[in-house]
Amino acid sequence: MPLSSTSNLQFSHIGLYVTDLPRMAGFYKQALRFTQTDAGDLGTVQLVFLSRDPTEHHQLVLATGRPADMAFNVVNQISFRVPDLATLRGFHDRLLAEGATEMHPVTHGNAVSVYCRDPEGNRLELFMDTPWYCDQPLRESIDLAQPDEAILMQAEAIAKRFPKFMSRAQWQADIARRMQEDQNA
């Protein structure tokens, strides 16, 4: 049965196992300004539900039970969109103040991002979309201390080096057509 709309399936939330529930809940509440919407026990597992959207009971749930001696973290990254560079800089500073590690401001051409690690090593990305699309993957360091105009000029210059450079609007129209074709196949 073909799907009539790409909105029939929407991503809602993610759950993470943690070793130190109070520390991790505090980090997300302080550094990223999540609100705790609920907490409680489900059998032997303690849960904390967090959201930044009043229409979502939770966007992030933290659950006890992560082994302290995990050799490999299976979380590649958790990404959060921000509206502008001023907001990105503000979260960059807040993340540093709350103990985030491995802070890396970068551009992907199609976005300006800050990558870091939360207290248990999960990689976070906070990003702002640019008006362009270019081939991915792409990651080049940037200096967030530069003025907005300089950062955006650098991101655009990097994006223009790639053969598939186009406006974000053009890319979105192309990908919407491809998604419709995939759903009708």
N, C-alpha and C. Protein backbone atom coordinates (compact mmCIF):
# COMPACT_ATOMS: atom_id res chain seq x y z
N MET A 1 0.85 -1.18 0.00
CA MET A 1 0.00 0.00 0.00
C MET A 1 0.89 1.24 0.00
N PRO A 2 0.81 2.12 -1.00
CA PRO A 2 1.67 3.29 -1.06
C PRO A 2 1.33 4.29 0.04
N LEU A 3 2.37 4.94 0.53
CA LEU A 3 2.18 5.98 1.54
C LEU A 3 1.87 7.29 0.82
N SER A 4 0.94 8.04 1.34
CA SER A 4 0.54 9.28 0.68
C SER A 4 1.36 10.49 1.15
N SER A 5 2.08 10.35 2.23
CA SER A 5 2.79 11.49 2.78
C SER A 5 4.04 11.03 3.50
N THR A 6 5.08 11.87 3.44
CA THR A 6 6.31 11.54 4.16
C THR A 6 6.14 11.72 5.67
N SER A 7 5.03 12.31 6.12
CA SER A 7 4.83 12.53 7.55
C SER A 7 4.17 11.35 8.25
N ASN A 8 3.96 10.25 7.56
CA ASN A 8 3.35 9.09 8.20
C ASN A 8 4.25 8.44 9.23
N LEU A 9 5.54 8.69 9.13
CA LEU A 9 6.50 8.16 10.10
C LEU A 9 7.42 9.29 10.51
N GLN A 10 7.38 9.67 11.78
CA GLN A 10 8.20 10.77 12.28
C GLN A 10 9.04 10.27 13.45
N PHE A 11 10.29 10.70 13.48
CA PHE A 11 11.13 10.37 14.62
C PHE A 11 10.62 11.14 15.84
N SER A 12 10.56 10.47 17.00
CA SER A 12 10.01 11.09 18.20
C SER A 12 11.03 11.27 19.31
N HIS A 13 11.71 10.18 19.72
CA HIS A 13 12.61 10.30 20.86
C HIS A 13 13.66 9.19 20.83
N ILE A 14 14.63 9.34 21.72
CA ILE A 14 15.70 8.35 21.86
C ILE A 14 15.87 8.05 23.34
N GLY A 15 16.26 6.82 23.63
CA GLY A 15 16.55 6.42 25.00
C GLY A 15 18.00 5.99 25.11
N LEU A 16 18.64 6.38 26.19
CA LEU A 16 20.04 6.03 26.44
C LEU A 16 20.16 5.31 27.77
N TYR A 17 20.91 4.21 27.79
CA TYR A 17 21.29 3.62 29.05
C TYR A 17 22.45 4.43 29.62
N VAL A 18 22.43 4.67 30.92
CA VAL A 18 23.46 5.48 31.58
C VAL A 18 23.96 4.75 32.82
N THR A 19 25.14 5.15 33.27
CA THR A 19 25.67 4.58 34.51
C THR A 19 25.36 5.47 35.71
N ASP A 20 25.34 6.80 35.50
CA ASP A 20 25.10 7.75 36.59
C ASP A 20 23.91 8.62 36.22
N LEU A 21 22.72 8.15 36.59
CA LEU A 21 21.48 8.82 36.19
C LEU A 21 21.40 10.27 36.68
N PRO A 22 21.67 10.57 37.95
CA PRO A 22 21.57 11.97 38.38
C PRO A 22 22.54 12.90 37.62
N ARG A 23 23.76 12.44 37.41
CA ARG A 23 24.75 13.26 36.71
C ARG A 23 24.31 13.52 35.27
N MET A 24 23.85 12.47 34.58
CA MET A 24 23.45 12.63 33.18
C MET A 24 22.19 13.48 33.06
N ALA A 25 21.21 13.28 33.94
CA ALA A 25 20.00 14.11 33.91
C ALA A 25 20.37 15.57 34.17
N GLY A 26 21.23 15.81 35.13
CA GLY A 26 21.68 17.17 35.43
C GLY A 26 22.38 17.81 34.24
N PHE A 27 23.22 17.06 33.56
CA PHE A 27 23.94 17.59 32.39
C PHE A 27 22.95 18.04 31.32
N TYR A 28 22.02 17.18 30.96
CA TYR A 28 21.07 17.53 29.90
C TYR A 28 20.13 18.66 30.32
N LYS A 29 19.78 18.71 31.60
CA LYS A 29 18.93 19.81 32.08
C LYS A 29 19.69 21.12 32.11
N GLN A 30 20.93 21.11 32.53
CA GLN A 30 21.70 22.35 32.63
C GLN A 30 22.31 22.77 31.29
N ALA A 31 23.02 21.87 30.63
CA ALA A 31 23.75 22.23 29.42
C ALA A 31 22.83 22.49 28.24
N LEU A 32 21.79 21.66 28.09
CA LEU A 32 20.92 21.79 26.92
C LEU A 32 19.51 22.25 27.27
N ARG A 33 19.29 22.55 28.55
CA ARG A 33 18.03 23.13 29.02
C ARG A 33 16.81 22.25 28.76
N PHE A 34 16.99 20.93 28.89
CA PHE A 34 15.84 20.03 28.86
C PHE A 34 15.07 20.18 30.16
N THR A 35 13.77 19.93 30.11
CA THR A 35 12.91 19.91 31.29
C THR A 35 12.59 18.46 31.61
N GLN A 36 12.69 18.12 32.88
CA GLN A 36 12.31 16.77 33.31
C GLN A 36 10.79 16.71 33.37
N THR A 37 10.22 15.80 32.57
CA THR A 37 8.76 15.69 32.50
C THR A 37 8.22 14.57 33.39
N ASP A 38 9.06 13.60 33.71
CA ASP A 38 8.67 12.47 34.56
C ASP A 38 9.92 11.74 35.01
N ALA A 39 9.74 10.90 36.02
CA ALA A 39 10.82 10.02 36.48
C ALA A 39 10.16 8.90 37.27
N GLY A 40 10.83 7.77 37.28
CA GLY A 40 10.29 6.66 38.06
C GLY A 40 11.00 5.37 37.75
N ASP A 41 10.50 4.32 38.38
CA ASP A 41 11.10 3.00 38.23
C ASP A 41 10.19 2.12 37.39
N LEU A 42 10.83 1.33 36.55
CA LEU A 42 10.15 0.31 35.77
C LEU A 42 10.88 -0.99 36.10
N GLY A 43 10.36 -1.70 37.11
CA GLY A 43 11.09 -2.84 37.64
C GLY A 43 12.35 -2.35 38.30
N THR A 44 13.48 -2.87 37.90
CA THR A 44 14.76 -2.47 38.49
C THR A 44 15.41 -1.29 37.77
N VAL A 45 14.81 -0.83 36.68
CA VAL A 45 15.37 0.26 35.88
C VAL A 45 14.77 1.59 36.34
N GLN A 46 15.64 2.56 36.61
CA GLN A 46 15.20 3.91 36.93
C GLN A 46 15.23 4.73 35.65
N LEU A 47 14.18 5.54 35.45
CA LEU A 47 14.04 6.32 34.22
C LEU A 47 13.85 7.79 34.54
N VAL A 48 14.43 8.64 33.68
CA VAL A 48 14.18 10.08 33.70
C VAL A 48 13.78 10.47 32.29
N PHE A 49 12.64 11.15 32.16
CA PHE A 49 12.12 11.59 30.87
C PHE A 49 12.39 13.09 30.73
N LEU A 50 12.92 13.49 29.58
CA LEU A 50 13.31 14.88 29.35
C LEU A 50 12.75 15.37 28.02
N SER A 51 12.36 16.65 27.98
CA SER A 51 11.87 17.23 26.73
C SER A 51 12.15 18.72 26.68
N ARG A 52 12.23 19.24 25.47
CA ARG A 52 12.30 20.68 25.22
C ARG A 52 11.08 21.13 24.42
N ASP A 53 10.16 20.21 24.17
CA ASP A 53 8.98 20.49 23.34
C ASP A 53 7.73 20.15 24.15
N PRO A 54 6.87 21.13 24.42
CA PRO A 54 5.69 20.85 25.24
C PRO A 54 4.69 19.90 24.58
N THR A 55 4.84 19.61 23.29
CA THR A 55 3.96 18.64 22.64
C THR A 55 4.52 17.23 22.71
N GLU A 56 5.73 17.07 23.22
CA GLU A 56 6.37 15.76 23.34
C GLU A 56 6.61 15.45 24.82
N HIS A 57 5.99 14.38 25.34
CA HIS A 57 6.23 13.99 26.73
C HIS A 57 7.73 13.84 26.98
N HIS A 58 8.42 13.21 26.04
CA HIS A 58 9.87 13.11 26.16
C HIS A 58 10.50 13.02 24.78
N GLN A 59 11.64 13.65 24.67
CA GLN A 59 12.48 13.54 23.48
C GLN A 59 13.72 12.71 23.80
N LEU A 60 14.02 12.64 25.08
CA LEU A 60 15.17 11.89 25.56
C LEU A 60 14.76 11.18 26.85
N VAL A 61 15.03 9.89 26.92
CA VAL A 61 14.80 9.15 28.16
C VAL A 61 16.13 8.54 28.57
N LEU A 62 16.47 8.72 29.82
CA LEU A 62 17.70 8.15 30.38
C LEU A 62 17.30 7.00 31.28
N ALA A 63 17.99 5.87 31.12
CA ALA A 63 17.65 4.65 31.87
C ALA A 63 18.90 4.06 32.50
N THR A 64 18.79 3.67 33.76
CA THR A 64 19.92 3.01 34.41
C THR A 64 20.15 1.66 33.75
N GLY A 65 21.37 1.15 33.90
CA GLY A 65 21.67 -0.18 33.40
C GLY A 65 22.82 -0.26 32.43
N ARG A 66 23.42 0.86 32.08
CA ARG A 66 24.58 0.82 31.19
C ARG A 66 25.76 0.24 31.97
N PRO A 67 26.41 -0.79 31.43
CA PRO A 67 27.59 -1.33 32.13
C PRO A 67 28.70 -0.28 32.22
N ALA A 68 29.32 -0.18 33.36
CA ALA A 68 30.39 0.81 33.56
C ALA A 68 31.63 0.47 32.76
N ASP A 69 31.79 -0.78 32.38
CA ASP A 69 33.02 -1.19 31.70
C ASP A 69 32.82 -1.45 30.21
N MET A 70 31.88 -0.75 29.57
CA MET A 70 31.66 -0.94 28.14
C MET A 70 32.90 -0.52 27.37
N ALA A 71 33.40 -1.39 26.51
CA ALA A 71 34.60 -1.08 25.73
C ALA A 71 34.29 -0.20 24.52
N PHE A 72 33.03 -0.17 24.09
CA PHE A 72 32.66 0.56 22.89
C PHE A 72 31.29 1.19 23.09
N ASN A 73 31.16 2.45 22.75
CA ASN A 73 29.88 3.15 22.84
C ASN A 73 29.18 3.04 21.49
N VAL A 74 28.01 2.44 21.48
CA VAL A 74 27.30 2.23 20.22
C VAL A 74 26.58 3.48 19.73
N VAL A 75 26.52 4.54 20.52
CA VAL A 75 25.89 5.79 20.09
C VAL A 75 26.90 6.55 19.23
N ASN A 76 26.58 6.71 17.94
CA ASN A 76 27.46 7.49 17.08
C ASN A 76 27.31 8.97 17.41
N GLN A 77 26.07 9.47 17.42
CA GLN A 77 25.84 10.86 17.82
C GLN A 77 24.36 11.10 18.03
N ILE A 78 24.07 12.11 18.83
CA ILE A 78 22.72 12.62 19.03
C ILE A 78 22.77 14.08 18.59
N SER A 79 21.93 14.47 17.65
CA SER A 79 22.02 15.79 17.04
C SER A 79 20.82 16.65 17.37
N PHE A 80 21.11 17.93 17.60
CA PHE A 80 20.10 18.92 17.94
C PHE A 80 20.25 20.12 17.02
N ARG A 81 19.14 20.58 16.40
CA ARG A 81 19.16 21.75 15.51
C ARG A 81 18.94 23.01 16.33
N VAL A 82 19.67 24.06 16.00
CA VAL A 82 19.46 25.39 16.58
C VAL A 82 19.16 26.37 15.44
N PRO A 83 18.52 27.51 15.73
CA PRO A 83 18.09 28.40 14.65
C PRO A 83 19.17 29.31 14.08
N ASP A 84 20.23 29.59 14.86
CA ASP A 84 21.20 30.57 14.38
C ASP A 84 22.54 30.41 15.10
N LEU A 85 23.53 31.15 14.62
CA LEU A 85 24.88 31.04 15.18
C LEU A 85 24.96 31.56 16.61
N ALA A 86 24.19 32.58 16.94
CA ALA A 86 24.21 33.09 18.32
C ALA A 86 23.76 32.00 19.29
N THR A 87 22.72 31.27 18.93
CA THR A 87 22.25 30.17 19.78
C THR A 87 23.29 29.07 19.85
N LEU A 88 23.92 28.76 18.73
CA LEU A 88 24.97 27.74 18.71
C LEU A 88 26.12 28.13 19.63
N ARG A 89 26.54 29.39 19.57
CA ARG A 89 27.62 29.86 20.46
C ARG A 89 27.19 29.77 21.93
N GLY A 90 25.95 30.13 22.22
CA GLY A 90 25.47 30.06 23.60
C GLY A 90 25.50 28.64 24.14
N PHE A 91 25.05 27.67 23.34
CA PHE A 91 25.10 26.28 23.78
C PHE A 91 26.54 25.79 23.86
N HIS A 92 27.39 26.23 22.96
CA HIS A 92 28.82 25.88 23.03
C HIS A 92 29.38 26.27 24.39
N ASP A 93 29.13 27.48 24.80
CA ASP A 93 29.63 27.97 26.09
C ASP A 93 29.01 27.21 27.26
N ARG A 94 27.70 26.95 27.18
CA ARG A 94 27.00 26.22 28.25
C ARG A 94 27.53 24.79 28.35
N LEU A 95 27.75 24.13 27.21
CA LEU A 95 28.29 22.77 27.22
C LEU A 95 29.66 22.74 27.86
N LEU A 96 30.51 23.69 27.52
CA LEU A 96 31.84 23.76 28.15
C LEU A 96 31.72 23.95 29.66
N ALA A 97 30.82 24.83 30.08
CA ALA A 97 30.64 25.10 31.51
C ALA A 97 30.13 23.88 32.26
N GLU A 98 29.38 23.01 31.58
CA GLU A 98 28.80 21.83 32.23
C GLU A 98 29.67 20.58 32.07
N GLY A 99 30.89 20.75 31.54
CA GLY A 99 31.84 19.65 31.51
C GLY A 99 31.86 18.82 30.25
N ALA A 100 31.25 19.29 29.17
CA ALA A 100 31.35 18.56 27.90
C ALA A 100 32.81 18.53 27.48
N THR A 101 33.20 17.45 26.84
CA THR A 101 34.59 17.29 26.41
C THR A 101 34.66 17.14 24.89
N GLU A 102 35.88 17.17 24.39
CA GLU A 102 36.15 16.98 22.95
C GLU A 102 35.32 17.93 22.09
N MET A 103 35.37 19.22 22.42
CA MET A 103 34.58 20.23 21.72
C MET A 103 35.22 20.55 20.37
N HIS A 104 34.43 20.41 19.28
CA HIS A 104 34.92 20.66 17.93
C HIS A 104 33.90 21.45 17.12
N PRO A 105 34.12 22.76 16.91
CA PRO A 105 33.27 23.52 15.99
C PRO A 105 33.71 23.23 14.54
N VAL A 106 32.74 22.90 13.69
CA VAL A 106 33.05 22.54 12.31
C VAL A 106 31.95 23.05 11.38
N THR A 107 32.25 23.00 10.08
CA THR A 107 31.21 23.18 9.08
C THR A 107 31.17 21.95 8.21
N HIS A 108 29.96 21.62 7.79
CA HIS A 108 29.74 20.55 6.81
C HIS A 108 29.35 21.17 5.47
N GLY A 109 29.49 22.49 5.35
CA GLY A 109 29.01 23.19 4.16
C GLY A 109 27.52 23.43 4.25
N ASN A 110 26.77 22.38 4.49
CA ASN A 110 25.31 22.51 4.61
C ASN A 110 24.87 22.81 6.04
N ALA A 111 25.83 22.88 6.96
CA ALA A 111 25.52 23.17 8.36
C ALA A 111 26.79 23.68 9.05
N VAL A 112 26.58 24.37 10.16
CA VAL A 112 27.66 24.73 11.07
C VAL A 112 27.35 24.01 12.36
N SER A 113 28.31 23.25 12.87
CA SER A 113 28.06 22.35 13.99
C SER A 113 29.09 22.50 15.10
N VAL A 114 28.66 22.09 16.29
CA VAL A 114 29.57 21.89 17.41
C VAL A 114 29.39 20.44 17.84
N TYR A 115 30.49 19.70 17.86
CA TYR A 115 30.49 18.33 18.36
C TYR A 115 31.17 18.31 19.72
N CYS A 116 30.67 17.45 20.61
CA CYS A 116 31.29 17.28 21.92
C CYS A 116 30.83 15.95 22.51
N ARG A 117 31.31 15.64 23.70
CA ARG A 117 30.92 14.41 24.41
C ARG A 117 30.21 14.80 25.71
N ASP A 118 29.13 14.07 26.02
CA ASP A 118 28.46 14.26 27.31
C ASP A 118 29.29 13.54 28.39
N PRO A 119 28.88 13.60 29.66
CA PRO A 119 29.70 13.02 30.73
C PRO A 119 29.97 11.52 30.60
N GLU A 120 29.15 10.79 29.84
CA GLU A 120 29.40 9.36 29.67
C GLU A 120 29.91 9.01 28.29
N GLY A 121 30.39 10.02 27.57
CA GLY A 121 31.06 9.78 26.30
C GLY A 121 30.18 9.72 25.07
N ASN A 122 28.88 9.97 25.19
CA ASN A 122 28.02 10.00 24.01
C ASN A 122 28.33 11.26 23.21
N ARG A 123 28.49 11.10 21.90
CA ARG A 123 28.79 12.27 21.08
C ARG A 123 27.52 13.03 20.77
N LEU A 124 27.58 14.35 20.99
CA LEU A 124 26.48 15.26 20.70
C LEU A 124 26.88 16.15 19.54
N GLU A 125 25.90 16.51 18.73
CA GLU A 125 26.09 17.52 17.71
C GLU A 125 24.99 18.55 17.87
N LEU A 126 25.36 19.81 17.95
CA LEU A 126 24.41 20.91 17.87
C LEU A 126 24.73 21.61 16.57
N PHE A 127 23.71 21.87 15.74
CA PHE A 127 23.99 22.41 14.42
C PHE A 127 22.96 23.43 13.98
N MET A 128 23.40 24.27 13.06
CA MET A 128 22.56 25.25 12.39
C MET A 128 22.65 24.98 10.90
N ASP A 129 21.51 24.82 10.23
CA ASP A 129 21.52 24.62 8.79
C ASP A 129 21.99 25.88 8.08
N THR A 130 22.68 25.70 6.96
CA THR A 130 23.00 26.82 6.07
C THR A 130 22.03 26.75 4.89
N PRO A 131 22.01 27.76 4.04
CA PRO A 131 21.09 27.75 2.89
C PRO A 131 21.55 26.88 1.72
N TRP A 132 22.62 26.06 1.92
CA TRP A 132 23.21 25.33 0.80
C TRP A 132 23.22 23.84 1.07
N TYR A 133 23.36 23.10 0.00
CA TYR A 133 23.63 21.66 0.06
C TYR A 133 24.95 21.43 -0.66
N CYS A 134 25.70 20.47 -0.18
CA CYS A 134 26.89 19.99 -0.89
C CYS A 134 27.11 18.54 -0.51
N ASP A 135 27.95 17.86 -1.27
CA ASP A 135 28.22 16.45 -1.05
C ASP A 135 28.64 16.20 0.40
N GLN A 136 28.19 15.07 0.93
CA GLN A 136 28.55 14.65 2.28
C GLN A 136 29.14 13.25 2.22
N PRO A 137 30.00 12.87 3.10
CA PRO A 137 30.41 13.60 4.30
C PRO A 137 31.46 14.66 4.01
N LEU A 138 31.44 15.68 4.85
CA LEU A 138 32.37 16.80 4.77
C LEU A 138 32.46 17.39 6.17
N ARG A 139 33.67 17.65 6.62
CA ARG A 139 33.84 18.27 7.94
C ARG A 139 35.14 19.03 7.96
N GLU A 140 35.03 20.35 8.16
CA GLU A 140 36.21 21.21 8.27
C GLU A 140 36.04 22.11 9.49
N SER A 141 37.11 22.31 10.21
CA SER A 141 37.09 23.13 11.43
C SER A 141 36.74 24.58 11.09
N ILE A 142 36.07 25.21 12.04
CA ILE A 142 35.77 26.64 11.96
C ILE A 142 36.05 27.27 13.31
N ASP A 143 36.10 28.58 13.31
CA ASP A 143 36.33 29.35 14.53
C ASP A 143 35.04 30.10 14.87
N LEU A 144 34.36 29.68 15.93
CA LEU A 144 33.10 30.32 16.32
C LEU A 144 33.28 31.75 16.82
N ALA A 145 34.53 32.16 17.07
CA ALA A 145 34.77 33.53 17.52
C ALA A 145 34.67 34.52 16.36
N GLN A 146 34.66 34.03 15.13
CA GLN A 146 34.52 34.91 13.98
C GLN A 146 33.10 35.48 13.93
N PRO A 147 32.92 36.60 13.24
CA PRO A 147 31.56 37.13 13.05
C PRO A 147 30.71 36.17 12.22
N ASP A 148 29.40 36.24 12.40
CA ASP A 148 28.48 35.37 11.67
C ASP A 148 28.75 35.39 10.17
N GLU A 149 28.93 36.59 9.61
CA GLU A 149 29.12 36.71 8.16
C GLU A 149 30.36 35.95 7.70
N ALA A 150 31.44 36.01 8.47
CA ALA A 150 32.67 35.31 8.10
C ALA A 150 32.49 33.80 8.15
N ILE A 151 31.78 33.31 9.16
CA ILE A 151 31.52 31.87 9.28
C ILE A 151 30.68 31.39 8.11
N LEU A 152 29.62 32.14 7.78
CA LEU A 152 28.76 31.73 6.68
C LEU A 152 29.46 31.82 5.34
N MET A 153 30.33 32.82 5.15
CA MET A 153 31.11 32.91 3.92
C MET A 153 32.05 31.71 3.80
N GLN A 154 32.68 31.33 4.91
CA GLN A 154 33.57 30.18 4.89
C GLN A 154 32.79 28.90 4.57
N ALA A 155 31.64 28.71 5.19
CA ALA A 155 30.82 27.52 4.94
C ALA A 155 30.40 27.47 3.48
N GLU A 156 29.99 28.60 2.92
CA GLU A 156 29.56 28.62 1.52
C GLU A 156 30.73 28.34 0.58
N ALA A 157 31.89 28.94 0.86
CA ALA A 157 33.06 28.70 0.01
C ALA A 157 33.45 27.22 0.02
N ILE A 158 33.37 26.59 1.18
CA ILE A 158 33.68 25.17 1.28
C ILE A 158 32.66 24.36 0.49
N ALA A 159 31.38 24.68 0.66
CA ALA A 159 30.32 23.95 -0.04
C ALA A 159 30.46 24.08 -1.55
N LYS A 160 30.85 25.25 -2.02
CA LYS A 160 30.95 25.50 -3.48
C LYS A 160 32.09 24.71 -4.12
N ARG A 161 32.99 24.16 -3.35
CA ARG A 161 34.09 23.36 -3.92
C ARG A 161 33.60 22.02 -4.44
N PHE A 162 32.39 21.63 -4.11
CA PHE A 162 31.91 20.29 -4.44
C PHE A 162 30.94 20.34 -5.62
N PRO A 163 30.97 19.29 -6.46
CA PRO A 163 30.20 19.33 -7.71
C PRO A 163 28.69 19.37 -7.53
N LYS A 164 28.16 18.87 -6.42
CA LYS A 164 26.71 18.86 -6.24
C LYS A 164 26.20 20.07 -5.46
N PHE A 165 27.00 21.14 -5.38
CA PHE A 165 26.57 22.35 -4.67
C PHE A 165 25.26 22.85 -5.28
N MET A 166 24.31 23.17 -4.40
CA MET A 166 23.03 23.75 -4.81
C MET A 166 22.39 24.41 -3.60
N SER A 167 21.28 25.09 -3.82
CA SER A 167 20.56 25.67 -2.69
C SER A 167 19.90 24.56 -1.89
N ARG A 168 19.69 24.80 -0.62
CA ARG A 168 18.98 23.84 0.23
C ARG A 168 17.57 23.60 -0.32
N ALA A 169 16.92 24.66 -0.80
CA ALA A 169 15.56 24.52 -1.35
C ALA A 169 15.55 23.57 -2.55
N GLN A 170 16.54 23.69 -3.44
CA GLN A 170 16.61 22.80 -4.59
C GLN A 170 16.85 21.36 -4.14
N TRP A 171 17.77 21.18 -3.18
CA TRP A 171 18.05 19.84 -2.67
C TRP A 171 16.79 19.24 -2.03
N GLN A 172 16.06 20.04 -1.24
CA GLN A 172 14.85 19.55 -0.58
C GLN A 172 13.80 19.13 -1.60
N ALA A 173 13.66 19.89 -2.67
CA ALA A 173 12.69 19.52 -3.71
C ALA A 173 13.11 18.21 -4.38
N ASP A 174 14.40 18.07 -4.67
CA ASP A 174 14.90 16.83 -5.28
C ASP A 174 14.70 15.63 -4.37
N ILE A 175 15.02 15.78 -3.09
CA ILE A 175 14.91 14.65 -2.17
C ILE A 175 13.45 14.32 -1.89
N ALA A 176 12.58 15.32 -1.87
CA ALA A 176 11.14 15.06 -1.69
C ALA A 176 10.61 14.22 -2.86
N ARG A 177 11.04 14.54 -4.07
CA ARG A 177 10.63 13.77 -5.24
C ARG A 177 11.14 12.33 -5.12
N ARG A 178 12.40 12.16 -4.73
CA ARG A 178 12.97 10.82 -4.58
C ARG A 178 12.25 10.03 -3.49
N MET A 179 11.92 10.68 -2.39
CA MET A 179 11.20 9.98 -1.30
C MET A 179 9.82 9.55 -1.77
N GLN A 180 9.15 10.40 -2.52
CA GLN A 180 7.83 10.04 -3.04
C GLN A 180 7.94 8.84 -3.97
N GLU A 181 8.96 8.83 -4.82
CA GLU A 181 9.18 7.68 -5.70
C GLU A 181 9.45 6.42 -4.89
N ASP A 182 10.27 6.52 -3.85
CA ASP A 182 10.57 5.35 -3.01
C ASP A 182 9.32 4.83 -2.32
N GLN A 183 8.47 5.73 -1.85
CA GLN A 183 7.27 5.30 -1.13
C GLN A 183 6.23 4.70 -2.06
N ASN A 184 6.27 5.08 -3.31
CA ASN A 184 5.31 4.56 -4.28
C ASN A 184 5.83 3.34 -5.02
N ALA A 185 7.07 2.95 -4.75
CA ALA A 185 7.66 1.80 -5.46
C ALA A 185 7.06 0.49 -4.97
